[in-house]
Amino acid sequence: MGRRTYSDDLRARVVAAVAEGCSRRAAGKRFAVSASSSIRWVDLHEETGSVSPRPRGGKSRSPLEPHAWWLLELVAGEPDLTLAEVVQRLLQDRGVRTSDSSLDRFFKRHGISFKKNSARRRAGASRRGRRTATLESRPTKP
């Protein structure tokens, strides 16, 4: 079950019930929220003076961020590099060990995408034996 965001009004009523002498668990039961939620809300109110939820997310903790300028310059100068090649260059030139997937997330955060090489075109359907005839290669009837 996913997390639900409860209103500040409900949170305040739970905290007020606890302030009036109700236990945290009993207050949670009275307002149909889990005991853990009511416990967290009262703790939050004691810490911050507010019942509003803390901000979610935050700054990126990627170890690649200190190398952002270098990485962005690298792919701008050599746009046909693969992720695996960038990983190798990072290790050789900067001493940073990383993976393709973390590098992919880094580039997505910075709005860079790796497109397939247009010279390769699409992969054709797998076929057995001889190539199937296309309209252009079919023999014409006399």
C-alpha atoms as a PDB file:
ATOM      1  CA  MET A   1       0.000   0.000   0.000  1.00  0.00           C
ATOM      2  CA  GLY A   2       1.360   3.426  -0.982  1.00  0.00           C
ATOM      3  CA  ARG A   3       1.728   6.408   1.268  1.00  0.00           C
ATOM      4  CA  ARG A   4      -1.173   8.796   1.564  1.00  0.00           C
ATOM      5  CA  THR A   5      -0.734  12.488   2.223  1.00  0.00           C
ATOM      6  CA  TYR A   6      -3.016  13.533   5.048  1.00  0.00           C
ATOM      7  CA  SER A   7      -4.296  17.085   5.457  1.00  0.00           C
ATOM      8  CA  ASP A   8      -2.697  19.447   7.942  1.00  0.00           C
ATOM      9  CA  ASP A   9      -6.134  19.782   9.575  1.00  0.00           C
ATOM     10  CA  LEU A  10      -6.270  16.053  10.388  1.00  0.00           C
ATOM     11  CA  ARG A  11      -2.684  16.097  11.617  1.00  0.00           C
ATOM     12  CA  ALA A  12      -3.463  19.080  13.876  1.00  0.00           C
ATOM     13  CA  ARG A  13      -6.545  17.338  15.335  1.00  0.00           C
ATOM     14  CA  VAL A  14      -4.468  14.240  16.183  1.00  0.00           C
ATOM     15  CA  VAL A  15      -1.760  16.389  17.817  1.00  0.00           C
ATOM     16  CA  ALA A  16      -4.426  18.367  19.739  1.00  0.00           C
ATOM     17  CA  ALA A  17      -6.018  15.134  21.019  1.00  0.00           C
ATOM     18  CA  VAL A  18      -2.623  13.999  22.333  1.00  0.00           C
ATOM     19  CA  ALA A  19      -2.066  17.411  23.956  1.00  0.00           C
ATOM     20  CA  GLU A  20      -5.434  17.017  25.726  1.00  0.00           C
ATOM     21  CA  GLY A  21      -4.247  13.771  27.305  1.00  0.00           C
ATOM     22  CA  CYS A  22      -5.114  11.084  24.771  1.00  0.00           C
ATOM     23  CA  SER A  23      -2.356   8.565  24.031  1.00  0.00           C
ATOM     24  CA  ARG A  24      -0.783   8.710  20.585  1.00  0.00           C
ATOM     25  CA  ARG A  25      -2.140   5.289  19.661  1.00  0.00           C
ATOM     26  CA  ALA A  26      -5.642   6.125  20.915  1.00  0.00           C
ATOM     27  CA  ALA A  27      -5.616   9.419  18.999  1.00  0.00           C
ATOM     28  CA  GLY A  28      -4.622   7.539  15.844  1.00  0.00           C
ATOM     29  CA  LYS A  29      -7.454   5.065  16.370  1.00  0.00           C
ATOM     30  CA  ARG A  30      -9.981   7.869  17.018  1.00  0.00           C
ATOM     31  CA  PHE A  31      -9.103   9.630  13.754  1.00  0.00           C
ATOM     32  CA  ALA A  32      -8.648   6.404  11.730  1.00  0.00           C
ATOM     33  CA  VAL A  33      -4.929   6.790  11.056  1.00  0.00           C
ATOM     34  CA  SER A  34      -2.150   4.393  11.920  1.00  0.00           C
ATOM     35  CA  ALA A  35      -0.457   4.561  15.286  1.00  0.00           C
ATOM     36  CA  SER A  36       2.874   5.174  13.588  1.00  0.00           C
ATOM     37  CA  SER A  37       1.468   8.202  11.742  1.00  0.00           C
ATOM     38  CA  SER A  38       0.107   9.769  14.918  1.00  0.00           C
ATOM     39  CA  ILE A  39       3.405   9.106  16.721  1.00  0.00           C
ATOM     40  CA  ARG A  40       5.381  10.721  13.872  1.00  0.00           C
ATOM     41  CA  TRP A  41       3.046  13.736  13.708  1.00  0.00           C
ATOM     42  CA  VAL A  42       3.343  14.429  17.429  1.00  0.00           C
ATOM     43  CA  ASP A  43       7.141  14.066  17.214  1.00  0.00           C
ATOM     44  CA  LEU A  44       7.193  16.394  14.202  1.00  0.00           C
ATOM     45  CA  HIS A  45       5.094  18.959  16.072  1.00  0.00           C
ATOM     46  CA  GLU A  46       7.415  18.782  19.086  1.00  0.00           C
ATOM     47  CA  GLU A  47      10.496  19.221  16.843  1.00  0.00           C
ATOM     48  CA  THR A  48       9.300  21.922  14.461  1.00  0.00           C
ATOM     49  CA  GLY A  49       6.131  23.405  15.987  1.00  0.00           C
ATOM     50  CA  SER A  50       4.287  22.502  12.779  1.00  0.00           C
ATOM     51  CA  VAL A  51       2.332  19.473  11.609  1.00  0.00           C
ATOM     52  CA  SER A  52       3.037  20.058   7.895  1.00  0.00           C
ATOM     53  CA  PRO A  53       5.016  17.285   6.270  1.00  0.00           C
ATOM     54  CA  ARG A  54       8.723  17.794   5.718  1.00  0.00           C
ATOM     55  CA  PRO A  55       9.763  18.617   2.166  1.00  0.00           C
ATOM     56  CA  ARG A  56      10.466  15.576   0.033  1.00  0.00           C
ATOM     57  CA  GLY A  57      13.366  15.075  -2.306  1.00  0.00           C
ATOM     58  CA  GLY A  58      16.290  17.371  -1.908  1.00  0.00           C
ATOM     59  CA  LYS A  59      19.609  17.868  -3.585  1.00  0.00           C
ATOM     60  CA  SER A  60      21.130  15.187  -5.740  1.00  0.00           C
ATOM     61  CA  ARG A  61      23.659  13.095  -3.879  1.00  0.00           C
ATOM     62  CA  SER A  62      25.224  11.739  -7.047  1.00  0.00           C
ATOM     63  CA  PRO A  63      29.001  11.373  -6.888  1.00  0.00           C
ATOM     64  CA  LEU A  64      28.996  12.471 -10.536  1.00  0.00           C
ATOM     65  CA  GLU A  65      27.747  16.004  -9.805  1.00  0.00           C
ATOM     66  CA  PRO A  66      31.219  17.385  -8.949  1.00  0.00           C
ATOM     67  CA  HIS A  67      32.281  16.230 -12.447  1.00  0.00           C
ATOM     68  CA  ALA A  68      29.199  17.624 -14.226  1.00  0.00           C
ATOM     69  CA  TRP A  69      31.041  20.309 -16.182  1.00  0.00           C
ATOM     70  CA  TRP A  70      33.668  17.833 -17.413  1.00  0.00           C
ATOM     71  CA  LEU A  71      31.043  15.222 -18.380  1.00  0.00           C
ATOM     72  CA  LEU A  72      28.863  17.707 -20.240  1.00  0.00           C
ATOM     73  CA  GLU A  73      31.884  19.085 -22.112  1.00  0.00           C
ATOM     74  CA  LEU A  74      32.975  15.555 -22.999  1.00  0.00           C
ATOM     75  CA  VAL A  75      29.658  14.535 -24.581  1.00  0.00           C
ATOM     76  CA  ALA A  76      29.337  17.938 -26.296  1.00  0.00           C
ATOM     77  CA  GLY A  77      32.782  17.471 -27.872  1.00  0.00           C
ATOM     78  CA  GLU A  78      32.296  13.795 -28.720  1.00  0.00           C
ATOM     79  CA  PRO A  79      28.543  13.210 -29.118  1.00  0.00           C
ATOM     80  CA  ASP A  80      28.919   9.677 -30.515  1.00  0.00           C
ATOM     81  CA  LEU A  81      30.411   8.215 -27.311  1.00  0.00           C
ATOM     82  CA  THR A  82      28.498   5.342 -25.737  1.00  0.00           C
ATOM     83  CA  LEU A  83      27.726   5.210 -22.022  1.00  0.00           C
ATOM     84  CA  ALA A  84      30.295   2.430 -21.602  1.00  0.00           C
ATOM     85  CA  GLU A  85      32.956   4.596 -23.255  1.00  0.00           C
ATOM     86  CA  VAL A  86      32.103   7.543 -20.995  1.00  0.00           C
ATOM     87  CA  VAL A  87      32.382   5.243 -17.952  1.00  0.00           C
ATOM     88  CA  GLN A  88      35.869   4.185 -19.120  1.00  0.00           C
ATOM     89  CA  ARG A  89      36.920   7.796 -19.739  1.00  0.00           C
ATOM     90  CA  LEU A  90      35.697   8.807 -16.285  1.00  0.00           C
ATOM     91  CA  LEU A  91      37.846   6.119 -14.713  1.00  0.00           C
ATOM     92  CA  GLN A  92      40.924   6.885 -16.831  1.00  0.00           C
ATOM     93  CA  ASP A  93      40.799  10.685 -16.789  1.00  0.00           C
ATOM     94  CA  ARG A  94      39.160  11.469 -13.447  1.00  0.00           C
ATOM     95  CA  GLY A  95      39.626   8.301 -11.374  1.00  0.00           C
ATOM     96  CA  VAL A  96      35.861   7.994 -10.816  1.00  0.00           C
ATOM     97  CA  ARG A  97      34.386   4.498 -10.815  1.00  0.00           C
ATOM     98  CA  THR A  98      30.724   4.399 -11.836  1.00  0.00           C
ATOM     99  CA  SER A  99      28.208   2.368 -13.837  1.00  0.00           C
ATOM    100  CA  ASP A 100      26.288   2.843 -17.080  1.00  0.00           C
ATOM    101  CA  SER A 101      22.996   3.164 -15.206  1.00  0.00           C
ATOM    102  CA  SER A 102      24.159   5.903 -12.822  1.00  0.00           C
ATOM    103  CA  LEU A 103      25.682   7.781 -15.743  1.00  0.00           C
ATOM    104  CA  ASP A 104      22.394   7.409 -17.649  1.00  0.00           C
ATOM    105  CA  ARG A 105      20.482   8.891 -14.664  1.00  0.00           C
ATOM    106  CA  PHE A 106      23.010  11.754 -14.492  1.00  0.00           C
ATOM    107  CA  PHE A 107      22.509  12.608 -18.164  1.00  0.00           C
ATOM    108  CA  LYS A 108      18.707  12.390 -17.838  1.00  0.00           C
ATOM    109  CA  ARG A 109      18.838  14.878 -14.942  1.00  0.00           C
ATOM    110  CA  HIS A 110      20.845  17.221 -17.179  1.00  0.00           C
ATOM    111  CA  GLY A 111      18.569  16.800 -20.210  1.00  0.00           C
ATOM    112  CA  ILE A 112      21.020  14.790 -22.319  1.00  0.00           C
ATOM    113  CA  SER A 113      19.768  11.729 -24.181  1.00  0.00           C
ATOM    114  CA  PHE A 114      21.697   9.188 -26.195  1.00  0.00           C
ATOM    115  CA  LYS A 115      20.034   8.604 -29.544  1.00  0.00           C
ATOM    116  CA  LYS A 116      20.654   5.589 -31.687  1.00  0.00           C
ATOM    117  CA  ASN A 117      23.063   6.087 -34.536  1.00  0.00           C
ATOM    118  CA  SER A 118      21.018   7.147 -37.559  1.00  0.00           C
ATOM    119  CA  ALA A 119      23.403   5.295 -39.909  1.00  0.00           C
ATOM    120  CA  ARG A 120      22.335   1.956 -38.402  1.00  0.00           C
ATOM    121  CA  ARG A 121      18.639   2.418 -39.132  1.00  0.00           C
ATOM    122  CA  ARG A 122      16.042   0.057 -37.693  1.00  0.00           C
ATOM    123  CA  ALA A 123      16.694  -3.588 -37.144  1.00  0.00           C
ATOM    124  CA  GLY A 124      14.833  -5.708 -39.666  1.00  0.00           C
ATOM    125  CA  ALA A 125      12.576  -8.606 -38.832  1.00  0.00           C
ATOM    126  CA  SER A 126      14.370 -11.894 -38.296  1.00  0.00           C
ATOM    127  CA  ARG A 127      13.840 -14.234 -41.222  1.00  0.00           C
ATOM    128  CA  ARG A 128      14.829 -17.740 -42.137  1.00  0.00           C
ATOM    129  CA  GLY A 129      16.436 -18.675 -45.377  1.00  0.00           C
ATOM    130  CA  ARG A 130      16.152 -16.382 -48.355  1.00  0.00           C
ATOM    131  CA  ARG A 131      15.116 -12.817 -48.101  1.00  0.00           C
ATOM    132  CA  THR A 132      11.408 -12.270 -48.660  1.00  0.00           C
ATOM    133  CA  ALA A 133      10.494 -10.374 -51.774  1.00  0.00           C
ATOM    134  CA  THR A 134       9.555  -6.736 -51.524  1.00  0.00           C
ATOM    135  CA  LEU A 135       7.283  -4.963 -53.976  1.00  0.00           C
ATOM    136  CA  GLU A 136      10.267  -3.565 -55.881  1.00  0.00           C
ATOM    137  CA  SER A 137      12.048  -6.928 -56.188  1.00  0.00           C
ATOM    138  CA  ARG A 138       9.104  -9.065 -57.247  1.00  0.00           C
ATOM    139  CA  PRO A 139       9.118 -10.242 -60.820  1.00  0.00           C
ATOM    140  CA  THR A 140       6.483  -8.630 -62.980  1.00  0.00           C
ATOM    141  CA  LYS A 141       4.037 -10.706 -64.950  1.00  0.00           C
ATOM    142  CA  PRO A 142       4.342 -10.445 -68.736  1.00  0.00           C
END
